[in-house]
Amino acid sequence: MDGTGRRRNPYELTDESPVYVISVAAQLSGLHPQTLRQYDRLGLVSPDRAAGRGRRYSARDIEQLRQVQQLSQDEGINLAGIKRIIELENQVAALKARVAELQGAVEGAAAARQQAEAAVHASYRRDLVPYTDVQQTSALVVWRPRRDQ
């Protein structure tokens, strides 16, 4: 099932579909196949495995390979630093998803509270105490008890 609750077509390709063998992934990412194997051993990019234990890369894996290469060559970051950056980016993405989930739960709870509050207000019996608008005056009333003897 996908994120919307629909059944996903098993033959539909997504960015996470592991379809590229290591030679094609190396060509698409501009890296040597041995570099891809090294990145896999270090845990930088972990492709899926086919039945014969061959690596299968997805489009997302190839994009991550390009990112690792860019951070290494252009920014001068070592592979341990790149691994930490990737871990932190994954953690941030997971936290953002959790925040969105909690915001949805809070909004749902607020809507439920408003509905419950509206139901309580609708249940008031307004016929028990008739409401009349009382005029405010400054008249003085003097009370004198009656003397019945």
N, C-alpha and C. Protein backbone atom coordinates (compact mmCIF):
# COMPACT_ATOMS: atom_id res chain seq x y z
N MET A 1 0.84 -1.18 0.00
CA MET A 1 0.00 0.00 0.00
C MET A 1 0.88 1.24 0.00
N ASP A 2 0.39 2.29 -0.63
CA ASP A 2 1.15 3.54 -0.64
C ASP A 2 0.67 4.42 0.51
N GLY A 3 1.17 5.63 0.58
CA GLY A 3 0.85 6.54 1.67
C GLY A 3 -0.60 6.97 1.71
N THR A 4 -1.36 6.80 0.61
CA THR A 4 -2.76 7.22 0.58
C THR A 4 -3.70 6.07 0.90
N GLY A 5 -3.16 4.88 1.21
CA GLY A 5 -4.01 3.75 1.55
C GLY A 5 -4.44 2.93 0.34
N ARG A 6 -3.95 3.31 -0.84
CA ARG A 6 -4.30 2.54 -2.04
C ARG A 6 -3.30 1.42 -2.22
N ARG A 7 -3.75 0.34 -2.86
CA ARG A 7 -2.81 -0.74 -3.20
C ARG A 7 -1.93 -0.27 -4.34
N ARG A 8 -0.65 -0.54 -4.20
CA ARG A 8 0.30 -0.13 -5.22
C ARG A 8 0.47 -1.25 -6.22
N ASN A 9 0.61 -0.88 -7.48
CA ASN A 9 0.87 -1.84 -8.55
C ASN A 9 2.27 -2.40 -8.33
N PRO A 10 2.43 -3.74 -8.20
CA PRO A 10 3.76 -4.29 -7.95
C PRO A 10 4.74 -4.06 -9.09
N TYR A 11 4.25 -3.73 -10.28
CA TYR A 11 5.12 -3.49 -11.44
C TYR A 11 5.39 -2.01 -11.67
N GLU A 12 4.84 -1.16 -10.82
CA GLU A 12 5.05 0.28 -10.96
C GLU A 12 6.43 0.64 -10.40
N LEU A 13 7.21 1.38 -11.16
CA LEU A 13 8.53 1.79 -10.73
C LEU A 13 8.46 3.11 -9.98
N THR A 14 9.15 3.15 -8.86
CA THR A 14 9.26 4.38 -8.07
C THR A 14 10.73 4.71 -7.91
N ASP A 15 11.02 5.80 -7.21
CA ASP A 15 12.41 6.17 -6.95
C ASP A 15 13.12 5.16 -6.05
N GLU A 16 12.34 4.36 -5.31
CA GLU A 16 12.92 3.37 -4.40
C GLU A 16 13.00 1.98 -5.02
N SER A 17 12.54 1.81 -6.26
CA SER A 17 12.56 0.50 -6.91
C SER A 17 14.00 0.12 -7.26
N PRO A 18 14.50 -1.01 -6.71
CA PRO A 18 15.88 -1.43 -7.00
C PRO A 18 15.97 -2.10 -8.37
N VAL A 19 16.39 -1.36 -9.37
CA VAL A 19 16.38 -1.90 -10.73
C VAL A 19 17.74 -1.89 -11.41
N TYR A 20 18.71 -1.13 -10.92
CA TYR A 20 19.98 -0.96 -11.62
C TYR A 20 21.05 -1.88 -11.04
N VAL A 21 21.71 -2.64 -11.89
CA VAL A 21 22.86 -3.44 -11.45
C VAL A 21 24.02 -2.49 -11.22
N ILE A 22 25.06 -3.00 -10.58
CA ILE A 22 26.16 -2.13 -10.16
C ILE A 22 26.84 -1.43 -11.34
N SER A 23 26.97 -2.11 -12.48
CA SER A 23 27.64 -1.47 -13.62
C SER A 23 26.83 -0.29 -14.15
N VAL A 24 25.51 -0.43 -14.20
CA VAL A 24 24.66 0.66 -14.67
C VAL A 24 24.64 1.79 -13.64
N ALA A 25 24.56 1.43 -12.37
CA ALA A 25 24.56 2.45 -11.31
C ALA A 25 25.88 3.22 -11.33
N ALA A 26 26.97 2.53 -11.57
CA ALA A 26 28.27 3.21 -11.63
C ALA A 26 28.30 4.19 -12.80
N GLN A 27 27.77 3.76 -13.92
CA GLN A 27 27.75 4.63 -15.10
C GLN A 27 26.85 5.85 -14.86
N LEU A 28 25.68 5.63 -14.26
CA LEU A 28 24.74 6.73 -14.01
C LEU A 28 25.28 7.72 -12.97
N SER A 29 26.02 7.22 -12.00
CA SER A 29 26.53 8.11 -10.95
C SER A 29 27.89 8.70 -11.29
N GLY A 30 28.55 8.15 -12.32
CA GLY A 30 29.86 8.66 -12.70
C GLY A 30 30.97 8.14 -11.82
N LEU A 31 30.74 7.03 -11.12
CA LEU A 31 31.73 6.46 -10.21
C LEU A 31 32.16 5.08 -10.72
N HIS A 32 33.27 4.60 -10.19
CA HIS A 32 33.76 3.27 -10.53
C HIS A 32 32.98 2.23 -9.71
N PRO A 33 32.70 1.05 -10.26
CA PRO A 33 31.97 0.02 -9.49
C PRO A 33 32.64 -0.32 -8.17
N GLN A 34 33.98 -0.29 -8.13
CA GLN A 34 34.68 -0.59 -6.87
C GLN A 34 34.37 0.49 -5.82
N THR A 35 34.19 1.73 -6.25
CA THR A 35 33.82 2.81 -5.32
C THR A 35 32.43 2.55 -4.74
N LEU A 36 31.52 2.07 -5.57
CA LEU A 36 30.17 1.74 -5.08
C LEU A 36 30.23 0.62 -4.05
N ARG A 37 31.08 -0.37 -4.30
CA ARG A 37 31.23 -1.47 -3.33
C ARG A 37 31.80 -0.95 -2.01
N GLN A 38 32.76 -0.04 -2.11
CA GLN A 38 33.36 0.55 -0.90
C GLN A 38 32.31 1.36 -0.13
N TYR A 39 31.53 2.16 -0.81
CA TYR A 39 30.47 2.93 -0.16
C TYR A 39 29.47 2.01 0.52
N ASP A 40 29.18 0.88 -0.11
CA ASP A 40 28.25 -0.10 0.48
C ASP A 40 28.87 -0.67 1.76
N ARG A 41 30.15 -1.05 1.72
CA ARG A 41 30.82 -1.61 2.91
C ARG A 41 30.83 -0.60 4.05
N LEU A 42 31.01 0.68 3.73
CA LEU A 42 31.05 1.73 4.76
C LEU A 42 29.67 2.14 5.25
N GLY A 43 28.63 1.70 4.53
CA GLY A 43 27.28 2.04 4.94
C GLY A 43 26.81 3.39 4.45
N LEU A 44 27.52 3.96 3.48
CA LEU A 44 27.11 5.26 2.95
C LEU A 44 25.88 5.13 2.06
N VAL A 45 25.91 4.16 1.17
CA VAL A 45 24.78 3.88 0.28
C VAL A 45 24.59 2.36 0.32
N SER A 46 23.44 1.92 0.80
CA SER A 46 23.18 0.49 0.95
C SER A 46 22.08 0.06 -0.01
N PRO A 47 22.49 -0.49 -1.17
CA PRO A 47 21.48 -0.93 -2.14
C PRO A 47 20.80 -2.22 -1.68
N ASP A 48 19.67 -2.52 -2.30
CA ASP A 48 19.00 -3.80 -2.03
C ASP A 48 19.82 -4.92 -2.66
N ARG A 49 19.48 -6.13 -2.30
CA ARG A 49 20.17 -7.29 -2.87
C ARG A 49 19.17 -8.14 -3.64
N ALA A 50 19.63 -8.65 -4.78
CA ALA A 50 18.81 -9.56 -5.59
C ALA A 50 18.93 -10.97 -5.01
N ALA A 51 18.19 -11.90 -5.57
CA ALA A 51 18.21 -13.28 -5.08
C ALA A 51 19.61 -13.87 -5.11
N GLY A 52 20.41 -13.55 -6.10
CA GLY A 52 21.78 -14.04 -6.20
C GLY A 52 22.76 -13.21 -5.42
N ARG A 53 22.30 -12.35 -4.52
CA ARG A 53 23.08 -11.46 -3.66
C ARG A 53 23.75 -10.32 -4.42
N GLY A 54 23.37 -10.10 -5.68
CA GLY A 54 23.91 -8.98 -6.43
C GLY A 54 23.24 -7.69 -6.00
N ARG A 55 23.98 -6.62 -6.03
CA ARG A 55 23.45 -5.32 -5.61
C ARG A 55 22.49 -4.79 -6.67
N ARG A 56 21.40 -4.19 -6.20
CA ARG A 56 20.43 -3.55 -7.08
C ARG A 56 20.20 -2.14 -6.54
N TYR A 57 20.52 -1.16 -7.36
CA TYR A 57 20.43 0.25 -6.97
C TYR A 57 19.13 0.86 -7.48
N SER A 58 18.57 1.76 -6.70
CA SER A 58 17.38 2.52 -7.10
C SER A 58 17.82 3.90 -7.58
N ALA A 59 16.90 4.63 -8.15
CA ALA A 59 17.18 6.01 -8.57
C ALA A 59 17.57 6.85 -7.36
N ARG A 60 16.95 6.57 -6.23
CA ARG A 60 17.28 7.30 -5.01
C ARG A 60 18.71 6.99 -4.56
N ASP A 61 19.11 5.72 -4.68
CA ASP A 61 20.49 5.35 -4.34
C ASP A 61 21.49 6.08 -5.23
N ILE A 62 21.19 6.17 -6.51
CA ILE A 62 22.09 6.83 -7.44
C ILE A 62 22.21 8.32 -7.12
N GLU A 63 21.10 8.93 -6.74
CA GLU A 63 21.14 10.34 -6.33
C GLU A 63 22.00 10.50 -5.08
N GLN A 64 21.89 9.54 -4.16
CA GLN A 64 22.69 9.60 -2.94
C GLN A 64 24.17 9.40 -3.26
N LEU A 65 24.48 8.52 -4.23
CA LEU A 65 25.87 8.35 -4.66
C LEU A 65 26.43 9.66 -5.20
N ARG A 66 25.65 10.35 -5.98
CA ARG A 66 26.09 11.65 -6.52
C ARG A 66 26.32 12.66 -5.40
N GLN A 67 25.45 12.62 -4.40
CA GLN A 67 25.59 13.54 -3.28
C GLN A 67 26.87 13.23 -2.49
N VAL A 68 27.14 11.95 -2.26
CA VAL A 68 28.36 11.56 -1.55
C VAL A 68 29.59 12.04 -2.33
N GLN A 69 29.59 11.83 -3.63
CA GLN A 69 30.70 12.24 -4.47
C GLN A 69 30.88 13.76 -4.43
N GLN A 70 29.78 14.49 -4.48
CA GLN A 70 29.85 15.96 -4.44
C GLN A 70 30.39 16.44 -3.11
N LEU A 71 29.93 15.86 -2.01
CA LEU A 71 30.43 16.26 -0.69
C LEU A 71 31.92 15.93 -0.54
N SER A 72 32.32 14.80 -1.09
CA SER A 72 33.71 14.37 -0.98
C SER A 72 34.63 15.23 -1.84
N GLN A 73 34.29 15.41 -3.09
CA GLN A 73 35.19 16.12 -4.00
C GLN A 73 35.08 17.64 -3.89
N ASP A 74 33.86 18.16 -3.89
CA ASP A 74 33.69 19.61 -3.92
C ASP A 74 33.85 20.26 -2.54
N GLU A 75 33.35 19.58 -1.50
CA GLU A 75 33.37 20.16 -0.16
C GLU A 75 34.57 19.69 0.66
N GLY A 76 35.22 18.61 0.22
CA GLY A 76 36.40 18.11 0.94
C GLY A 76 36.07 17.38 2.22
N ILE A 77 34.87 16.86 2.35
CA ILE A 77 34.46 16.15 3.56
C ILE A 77 34.89 14.69 3.44
N ASN A 78 35.44 14.14 4.53
CA ASN A 78 35.86 12.75 4.49
C ASN A 78 34.64 11.82 4.58
N LEU A 79 34.85 10.53 4.31
CA LEU A 79 33.72 9.60 4.23
C LEU A 79 33.01 9.41 5.56
N ALA A 80 33.75 9.46 6.67
CA ALA A 80 33.11 9.37 7.99
C ALA A 80 32.19 10.57 8.22
N GLY A 81 32.63 11.75 7.82
CA GLY A 81 31.80 12.95 7.95
C GLY A 81 30.57 12.87 7.07
N ILE A 82 30.75 12.33 5.86
CA ILE A 82 29.62 12.18 4.95
C ILE A 82 28.60 11.20 5.52
N LYS A 83 29.10 10.12 6.12
CA LYS A 83 28.18 9.14 6.73
C LYS A 83 27.37 9.80 7.83
N ARG A 84 28.02 10.62 8.64
CA ARG A 84 27.32 11.31 9.74
C ARG A 84 26.30 12.30 9.18
N ILE A 85 26.65 13.00 8.11
CA ILE A 85 25.71 13.94 7.48
C ILE A 85 24.48 13.20 6.98
N ILE A 86 24.70 12.06 6.33
CA ILE A 86 23.57 11.28 5.82
C ILE A 86 22.69 10.79 6.96
N GLU A 87 23.31 10.31 8.05
CA GLU A 87 22.55 9.85 9.21
C GLU A 87 21.70 10.99 9.78
N LEU A 88 22.30 12.17 9.91
CA LEU A 88 21.58 13.32 10.45
C LEU A 88 20.45 13.76 9.53
N GLU A 89 20.69 13.75 8.21
CA GLU A 89 19.63 14.10 7.27
C GLU A 89 18.47 13.11 7.35
N ASN A 90 18.79 11.82 7.50
CA ASN A 90 17.73 10.81 7.65
C ASN A 90 16.96 11.03 8.95
N GLN A 91 17.69 11.39 10.01
CA GLN A 91 17.04 11.64 11.28
C GLN A 91 16.13 12.86 11.20
N VAL A 92 16.57 13.91 10.54
CA VAL A 92 15.75 15.12 10.36
C VAL A 92 14.48 14.78 9.57
N ALA A 93 14.64 13.99 8.50
CA ALA A 93 13.47 13.60 7.70
C ALA A 93 12.48 12.80 8.54
N ALA A 94 12.99 11.88 9.37
CA ALA A 94 12.11 11.09 10.23
C ALA A 94 11.40 11.98 11.25
N LEU A 95 12.13 12.94 11.80
CA LEU A 95 11.53 13.85 12.78
C LEU A 95 10.47 14.75 12.14
N LYS A 96 10.74 15.21 10.92
CA LYS A 96 9.74 16.02 10.22
C LYS A 96 8.47 15.22 9.98
N ALA A 97 8.64 13.96 9.60
CA ALA A 97 7.47 13.10 9.38
C ALA A 97 6.71 12.91 10.69
N ARG A 98 7.42 12.74 11.80
CA ARG A 98 6.77 12.56 13.10
C ARG A 98 6.04 13.83 13.52
N VAL A 99 6.66 14.99 13.29
CA VAL A 99 6.01 16.27 13.62
C VAL A 99 4.72 16.42 12.82
N ALA A 100 4.78 16.09 11.53
CA ALA A 100 3.57 16.18 10.69
C ALA A 100 2.49 15.23 11.21
N GLU A 101 2.90 14.04 11.63
CA GLU A 101 1.95 13.08 12.18
C GLU A 101 1.32 13.60 13.47
N LEU A 102 2.13 14.18 14.34
CA LEU A 102 1.62 14.72 15.60
C LEU A 102 0.74 15.95 15.37
N GLN A 103 1.09 16.78 14.39
CA GLN A 103 0.24 17.93 14.07
C GLN A 103 -1.13 17.46 13.59
N GLY A 104 -1.14 16.42 12.80
CA GLY A 104 -2.42 15.86 12.35
C GLY A 104 -3.24 15.34 13.52
N ALA A 105 -2.57 14.69 14.47
CA ALA A 105 -3.27 14.17 15.65
C ALA A 105 -3.82 15.31 16.50
N VAL A 106 -3.04 16.38 16.66
CA VAL A 106 -3.49 17.53 17.45
C VAL A 106 -4.69 18.20 16.78
N GLU A 107 -4.61 18.37 15.47
CA GLU A 107 -5.73 18.97 14.75
C GLU A 107 -6.98 18.10 14.83
N GLY A 108 -6.81 16.80 14.77
CA GLY A 108 -7.94 15.89 14.91
C GLY A 108 -8.55 15.96 16.30
N ALA A 109 -7.70 16.04 17.33
CA ALA A 109 -8.18 16.14 18.70
C ALA A 109 -8.90 17.47 18.92
N ALA A 110 -8.38 18.55 18.33
CA ALA A 110 -9.03 19.86 18.47
C ALA A 110 -10.40 19.84 17.79
N ALA A 111 -10.48 19.22 16.64
CA ALA A 111 -11.77 19.13 15.94
C ALA A 111 -12.76 18.31 16.76
N ALA A 112 -12.29 17.21 17.35
CA ALA A 112 -13.16 16.37 18.18
C ALA A 112 -13.63 17.14 19.41
N ARG A 113 -12.73 17.92 20.00
CA ARG A 113 -13.10 18.72 21.17
C ARG A 113 -14.16 19.76 20.80
N GLN A 114 -13.98 20.40 19.65
CA GLN A 114 -14.96 21.39 19.21
C GLN A 114 -16.32 20.75 18.95
N GLN A 115 -16.32 19.56 18.38
CA GLN A 115 -17.58 18.86 18.13
C GLN A 115 -18.26 18.49 19.45
N ALA A 116 -17.46 18.01 20.41
CA ALA A 116 -18.02 17.65 21.71
C ALA A 116 -18.57 18.88 22.42
N GLU A 117 -17.85 19.99 22.33
CA GLU A 117 -18.30 21.24 22.94
C GLU A 117 -19.60 21.73 22.29
N ALA A 118 -19.68 21.63 20.98
CA ALA A 118 -20.89 22.03 20.27
C ALA A 118 -22.06 21.13 20.66
N ALA A 119 -21.80 19.85 20.85
CA ALA A 119 -22.86 18.92 21.26
C ALA A 119 -23.37 19.26 22.65
N VAL A 120 -22.47 19.64 23.55
CA VAL A 120 -22.88 20.03 24.91
C VAL A 120 -23.73 21.29 24.84
N HIS A 121 -23.29 22.27 24.08
CA HIS A 121 -24.07 23.51 23.97
C HIS A 121 -25.43 23.25 23.33
N ALA A 122 -25.48 22.36 22.38
CA ALA A 122 -26.76 22.05 21.73
C ALA A 122 -27.71 21.33 22.66
N SER A 123 -27.16 20.67 23.68
CA SER A 123 -28.01 19.91 24.60
C SER A 123 -28.62 20.77 25.71
N TYR A 124 -28.24 22.02 25.83
CA TYR A 124 -28.82 22.88 26.86
C TYR A 124 -30.33 22.99 26.67
N ARG A 125 -31.06 22.94 27.79
CA ARG A 125 -32.51 23.09 27.73
C ARG A 125 -32.83 24.55 28.02
N ARG A 126 -33.10 25.26 26.99
CA ARG A 126 -33.36 26.69 27.15
C ARG A 126 -34.80 26.98 27.59
N ASP A 127 -35.63 25.98 27.64
CA ASP A 127 -37.02 26.19 28.05
C ASP A 127 -37.17 26.20 29.56
N LEU A 128 -36.18 25.83 30.32
CA LEU A 128 -36.31 25.77 31.77
C LEU A 128 -36.28 27.15 32.42
N VAL A 129 -35.48 28.04 31.92
CA VAL A 129 -35.36 29.38 32.49
C VAL A 129 -35.62 30.38 31.38
N PRO A 130 -36.82 30.95 31.39
CA PRO A 130 -37.09 31.92 30.33
C PRO A 130 -36.20 33.16 30.52
N TYR A 131 -35.78 33.64 29.45
CA TYR A 131 -34.89 34.79 29.47
C TYR A 131 -35.69 36.03 29.13
N THR A 132 -35.57 37.01 30.00
CA THR A 132 -36.18 38.30 29.69
C THR A 132 -35.11 39.36 29.89
N ASP A 133 -35.14 40.31 29.03
CA ASP A 133 -34.16 41.38 29.10
C ASP A 133 -34.60 42.35 30.18
N VAL A 134 -33.79 42.53 31.18
CA VAL A 134 -34.11 43.42 32.30
C VAL A 134 -33.48 44.78 32.03
N GLN A 135 -34.33 45.80 32.15
CA GLN A 135 -33.83 47.16 31.95
C GLN A 135 -33.19 47.65 33.24
N GLN A 136 -32.05 48.23 33.10
CA GLN A 136 -31.38 48.81 34.25
C GLN A 136 -31.96 50.21 34.49
N THR A 137 -32.42 50.45 35.72
CA THR A 137 -32.94 51.78 36.06
C THR A 137 -32.30 52.25 37.35
N SER A 138 -32.47 53.49 37.61
CA SER A 138 -31.94 54.05 38.87
C SER A 138 -33.09 54.39 39.82
N ALA A 139 -34.26 53.76 39.62
CA ALA A 139 -35.42 54.03 40.48
C ALA A 139 -35.17 53.48 41.87
N LEU A 140 -35.71 54.18 42.84
CA LEU A 140 -35.57 53.77 44.23
C LEU A 140 -36.91 53.24 44.70
N VAL A 141 -36.83 52.06 45.30
CA VAL A 141 -38.05 51.44 45.82
C VAL A 141 -37.92 51.40 47.33
N VAL A 142 -38.97 51.90 48.00
CA VAL A 142 -38.96 51.91 49.46
C VAL A 142 -39.92 50.83 49.92
N TRP A 143 -39.47 50.05 50.80
CA TRP A 143 -40.30 48.94 51.31
C TRP A 143 -40.65 49.21 52.75
N ARG A 144 -41.95 49.08 52.98
CA ARG A 144 -42.42 49.26 54.34
C ARG A 144 -43.30 48.06 54.67
N PRO A 145 -42.99 47.43 55.76
CA PRO A 145 -43.81 46.25 56.11
C PRO A 145 -45.22 46.69 56.53
N ARG A 146 -46.20 45.84 56.20
CA ARG A 146 -47.57 46.15 56.58
C ARG A 146 -47.78 45.76 58.03
N ARG A 147 -48.61 46.54 58.69
CA ARG A 147 -48.92 46.25 60.07
C ARG A 147 -50.36 45.75 60.15
N ASP A 148 -50.45 44.44 60.21
CA ASP A 148 -51.78 43.83 60.32
C ASP A 148 -52.00 43.39 61.76
N GLN A 149 -52.77 44.14 62.48
CA GLN A 149 -53.01 43.77 63.86
C GLN A 149 -54.43 43.78 64.18
